Amino acid sequence: MSLTRKQVIDYIKSLPVSELVLLMEELQEELGVELPNMYRESVVMGVGPTMGMAYDSCSLFLEGYPEDKKILVIKTYRTLTSSTLKEAKELVESAPCLLFEDLDRETAEERRRLLEESGARVRLE
């Protein structure tokens, strides 16, 4: 079966952020390329507006986390941003802090869900 570019794009647009991040990682591995961190973050954070969806700007703040969940929160943040371990650790340890800003509503909700599942206490504004 052969897919058109439009079908591929429509499928990618329908993916939740967590799946999009995994797809990007798999494509990088499969194709033997690596996107710069800045580009990866802008693709993930800009999914809504870059693809013509309604855009309601949100910010996501890390309020805190249980000490026994710290590593999981850091791993989750790294997955969402492709940041280095050092960058993620420093940011998470600086809670309360701003994690993401200027996100579309759907992306913000998905990231909040993933972070809360890892044990983080987050606030969406």
C-alpha atoms as a PDB file:
ATOM      1  CA  MET A   1       0.000   0.000   0.000  1.00  0.00           C
ATOM      2  CA  SER A   2       1.328   3.413  -0.943  1.00  0.00           C
ATOM      3  CA  LEU A   3       0.515   6.523   1.070  1.00  0.00           C
ATOM      4  CA  THR A   4       0.403  10.070  -0.215  1.00  0.00           C
ATOM      5  CA  ARG A   5       2.274  12.866   1.535  1.00  0.00           C
ATOM      6  CA  LYS A   6      -1.050  14.328   2.631  1.00  0.00           C
ATOM      7  CA  GLN A   7      -2.037  11.043   4.287  1.00  0.00           C
ATOM      8  CA  VAL A   8       1.297  10.911   6.122  1.00  0.00           C
ATOM      9  CA  ILE A   9       0.956  14.536   7.266  1.00  0.00           C
ATOM     10  CA  ASP A  10      -2.647  13.981   8.392  1.00  0.00           C
ATOM     11  CA  TYR A  11      -1.531  10.956  10.394  1.00  0.00           C
ATOM     12  CA  ILE A  12       1.320  12.881  12.038  1.00  0.00           C
ATOM     13  CA  LYS A  13      -1.036  15.753  12.900  1.00  0.00           C
ATOM     14  CA  SER A  14      -3.337  13.300  14.668  1.00  0.00           C
ATOM     15  CA  LEU A  15      -0.607  11.967  16.984  1.00  0.00           C
ATOM     16  CA  PRO A  16      -0.462  13.034  20.631  1.00  0.00           C
ATOM     17  CA  VAL A  17       2.755  14.821  21.586  1.00  0.00           C
ATOM     18  CA  SER A  18       4.206  11.806  23.381  1.00  0.00           C
ATOM     19  CA  GLU A  19       3.793   9.687  20.236  1.00  0.00           C
ATOM     20  CA  LEU A  20       5.232  12.442  18.049  1.00  0.00           C
ATOM     21  CA  VAL A  21       8.344  12.588  20.229  1.00  0.00           C
ATOM     22  CA  LEU A  22       8.773   8.815  19.957  1.00  0.00           C
ATOM     23  CA  LEU A  23       8.237   8.934  16.186  1.00  0.00           C
ATOM     24  CA  MET A  24      10.888  11.642  15.826  1.00  0.00           C
ATOM     25  CA  GLU A  25      13.354   9.576  17.865  1.00  0.00           C
ATOM     26  CA  GLU A  26      12.651   6.451  15.799  1.00  0.00           C
ATOM     27  CA  LEU A  27      13.042   8.334  12.517  1.00  0.00           C
ATOM     28  CA  GLN A  28      16.356   9.801  13.645  1.00  0.00           C
ATOM     29  CA  GLU A  29      17.610   6.346  14.570  1.00  0.00           C
ATOM     30  CA  GLU A  30      16.271   4.664  11.437  1.00  0.00           C
ATOM     31  CA  LEU A  31      17.627   7.332   9.080  1.00  0.00           C
ATOM     32  CA  GLY A  32      20.882   7.852  10.952  1.00  0.00           C
ATOM     33  CA  VAL A  33      20.387  11.587  11.436  1.00  0.00           C
ATOM     34  CA  GLU A  34      20.147  13.804  14.490  1.00  0.00           C
ATOM     35  CA  LEU A  35      18.116  16.975  14.750  1.00  0.00           C
ATOM     36  CA  PRO A  36      19.641  19.814  16.764  1.00  0.00           C
ATOM     37  CA  ASN A  37      17.963  20.212  20.194  1.00  0.00           C
ATOM     38  CA  MET A  38      16.529  23.613  19.282  1.00  0.00           C
ATOM     39  CA  TYR A  39      14.824  22.194  16.182  1.00  0.00           C
ATOM     40  CA  ARG A  40      13.445  19.167  18.030  1.00  0.00           C
ATOM     41  CA  GLU A  41      11.975  21.396  20.748  1.00  0.00           C
ATOM     42  CA  SER A  42      10.388  23.771  18.258  1.00  0.00           C
ATOM     43  CA  VAL A  43       8.811  20.898  16.345  1.00  0.00           C
ATOM     44  CA  VAL A  44       7.319  19.375  19.482  1.00  0.00           C
ATOM     45  CA  MET A  45       6.306  22.655  21.083  1.00  0.00           C
ATOM     46  CA  GLY A  46       4.931  24.135  17.858  1.00  0.00           C
ATOM     47  CA  VAL A  47       2.825  21.246  16.620  1.00  0.00           C
ATOM     48  CA  GLY A  48      -0.494  23.121  16.877  1.00  0.00           C
ATOM     49  CA  PRO A  49       0.325  26.455  15.302  1.00  0.00           C
ATOM     50  CA  THR A  50       2.661  25.144  12.612  1.00  0.00           C
ATOM     51  CA  MET A  51      -0.010  22.814  11.320  1.00  0.00           C
ATOM     52  CA  GLY A  52      -2.826  25.325  11.211  1.00  0.00           C
ATOM     53  CA  MET A  53      -4.707  24.292  14.357  1.00  0.00           C
ATOM     54  CA  ALA A  54      -6.359  26.744  16.711  1.00  0.00           C
ATOM     55  CA  TYR A  55      -3.756  28.232  19.028  1.00  0.00           C
ATOM     56  CA  ASP A  56      -4.396  29.065  22.670  1.00  0.00           C
ATOM     57  CA  SER A  57      -1.065  29.932  24.299  1.00  0.00           C
ATOM     58  CA  CYS A  58      -0.318  28.169  27.599  1.00  0.00           C
ATOM     59  CA  SER A  59       2.576  27.936  30.019  1.00  0.00           C
ATOM     60  CA  LEU A  60       3.414  24.910  32.136  1.00  0.00           C
ATOM     61  CA  PHE A  61       5.031  25.340  35.544  1.00  0.00           C
ATOM     62  CA  LEU A  62       6.687  22.716  37.722  1.00  0.00           C
ATOM     63  CA  GLU A  63       5.483  23.281  41.289  1.00  0.00           C
ATOM     64  CA  GLY A  64       7.353  20.368  42.831  1.00  0.00           C
ATOM     65  CA  TYR A  65       7.636  16.591  43.075  1.00  0.00           C
ATOM     66  CA  PRO A  66       8.124  13.889  45.712  1.00  0.00           C
ATOM     67  CA  GLU A  67      11.836  13.277  46.248  1.00  0.00           C
ATOM     68  CA  ASP A  68      11.463   9.600  45.298  1.00  0.00           C
ATOM     69  CA  LYS A  69      10.018  10.647  41.892  1.00  0.00           C
ATOM     70  CA  LYS A  70      12.773  13.135  41.008  1.00  0.00           C
ATOM     71  CA  ILE A  71      14.585  10.854  38.543  1.00  0.00           C
ATOM     72  CA  LEU A  72      11.354   9.941  36.761  1.00  0.00           C
ATOM     73  CA  VAL A  73      10.377  13.624  36.465  1.00  0.00           C
ATOM     74  CA  ILE A  74      13.816  14.420  35.002  1.00  0.00           C
ATOM     75  CA  LYS A  75      13.520  11.556  32.501  1.00  0.00           C
ATOM     76  CA  THR A  76      10.055  12.675  31.454  1.00  0.00           C
ATOM     77  CA  TYR A  77      11.206  16.261  30.967  1.00  0.00           C
ATOM     78  CA  ARG A  78      14.166  15.049  28.885  1.00  0.00           C
ATOM     79  CA  THR A  79      11.847  12.993  26.700  1.00  0.00           C
ATOM     80  CA  LEU A  80       9.680  16.029  26.054  1.00  0.00           C
ATOM     81  CA  THR A  81      12.559  18.395  25.278  1.00  0.00           C
ATOM     82  CA  SER A  82      15.583  16.308  24.257  1.00  0.00           C
ATOM     83  CA  SER A  83      17.601  18.375  26.721  1.00  0.00           C
ATOM     84  CA  THR A  84      20.781  17.041  28.277  1.00  0.00           C
ATOM     85  CA  LEU A  85      20.691  15.268  31.607  1.00  0.00           C
ATOM     86  CA  LYS A  86      22.477  18.191  33.249  1.00  0.00           C
ATOM     87  CA  GLU A  87      20.030  20.775  31.835  1.00  0.00           C
ATOM     88  CA  ALA A  88      16.986  18.727  32.842  1.00  0.00           C
ATOM     89  CA  LYS A  89      18.328  18.015  36.323  1.00  0.00           C
ATOM     90  CA  GLU A  90      19.153  21.681  36.984  1.00  0.00           C
ATOM     91  CA  LEU A  91      15.733  22.846  35.812  1.00  0.00           C
ATOM     92  CA  VAL A  92      13.756  20.222  37.741  1.00  0.00           C
ATOM     93  CA  GLU A  93      15.779  20.873  40.895  1.00  0.00           C
ATOM     94  CA  SER A  94      15.023  24.604  40.603  1.00  0.00           C
ATOM     95  CA  ALA A  95      11.271  24.008  41.130  1.00  0.00           C
ATOM     96  CA  PRO A  96       9.037  25.897  41.324  1.00  0.00           C
ATOM     97  CA  CYS A  97       9.896  27.019  37.801  1.00  0.00           C
ATOM     98  CA  LEU A  98       8.599  27.536  34.280  1.00  0.00           C
ATOM     99  CA  LEU A  99       9.033  24.400  32.179  1.00  0.00           C
ATOM    100  CA  PHE A 100       7.347  25.405  28.928  1.00  0.00           C
ATOM    101  CA  GLU A 101       5.788  28.563  27.577  1.00  0.00           C
ATOM    102  CA  ASP A 102       3.794  29.480  24.495  1.00  0.00           C
ATOM    103  CA  LEU A 103       2.371  25.963  24.026  1.00  0.00           C
ATOM    104  CA  ASP A 104      -0.899  25.209  22.307  1.00  0.00           C
ATOM    105  CA  ARG A 105      -3.591  23.893  24.673  1.00  0.00           C
ATOM    106  CA  GLU A 106      -3.477  20.275  23.459  1.00  0.00           C
ATOM    107  CA  THR A 107       0.318  20.041  23.747  1.00  0.00           C
ATOM    108  CA  ALA A 108       0.260  21.644  27.193  1.00  0.00           C
ATOM    109  CA  GLU A 109      -2.415  19.221  28.426  1.00  0.00           C
ATOM    110  CA  GLU A 110      -0.495  16.230  27.064  1.00  0.00           C
ATOM    111  CA  ARG A 111       2.756  17.364  28.680  1.00  0.00           C
ATOM    112  CA  ARG A 112       0.969  18.052  31.956  1.00  0.00           C
ATOM    113  CA  ARG A 113      -0.508  14.554  31.897  1.00  0.00           C
ATOM    114  CA  LEU A 114       2.877  12.938  31.234  1.00  0.00           C
ATOM    115  CA  LEU A 115       4.606  14.949  33.941  1.00  0.00           C
ATOM    116  CA  GLU A 116       1.851  14.250  36.470  1.00  0.00           C
ATOM    117  CA  GLU A 117       2.088  10.539  35.669  1.00  0.00           C
ATOM    118  CA  SER A 118       5.790  10.728  36.520  1.00  0.00           C
ATOM    119  CA  GLY A 119       4.941  12.254  39.912  1.00  0.00           C
ATOM    120  CA  ALA A 120       5.402  15.964  39.190  1.00  0.00           C
ATOM    121  CA  ARG A 121       3.043  18.620  40.528  1.00  0.00           C
ATOM    122  CA  VAL A 122       2.468  20.985  37.619  1.00  0.00           C
ATOM    123  CA  ARG A 123       0.314  24.020  36.942  1.00  0.00           C
ATOM    124  CA  LEU A 124      -1.053  25.077  33.573  1.00  0.00           C
ATOM    125  CA  GLU A 125      -1.749  28.751  32.851  1.00  0.00           C
END
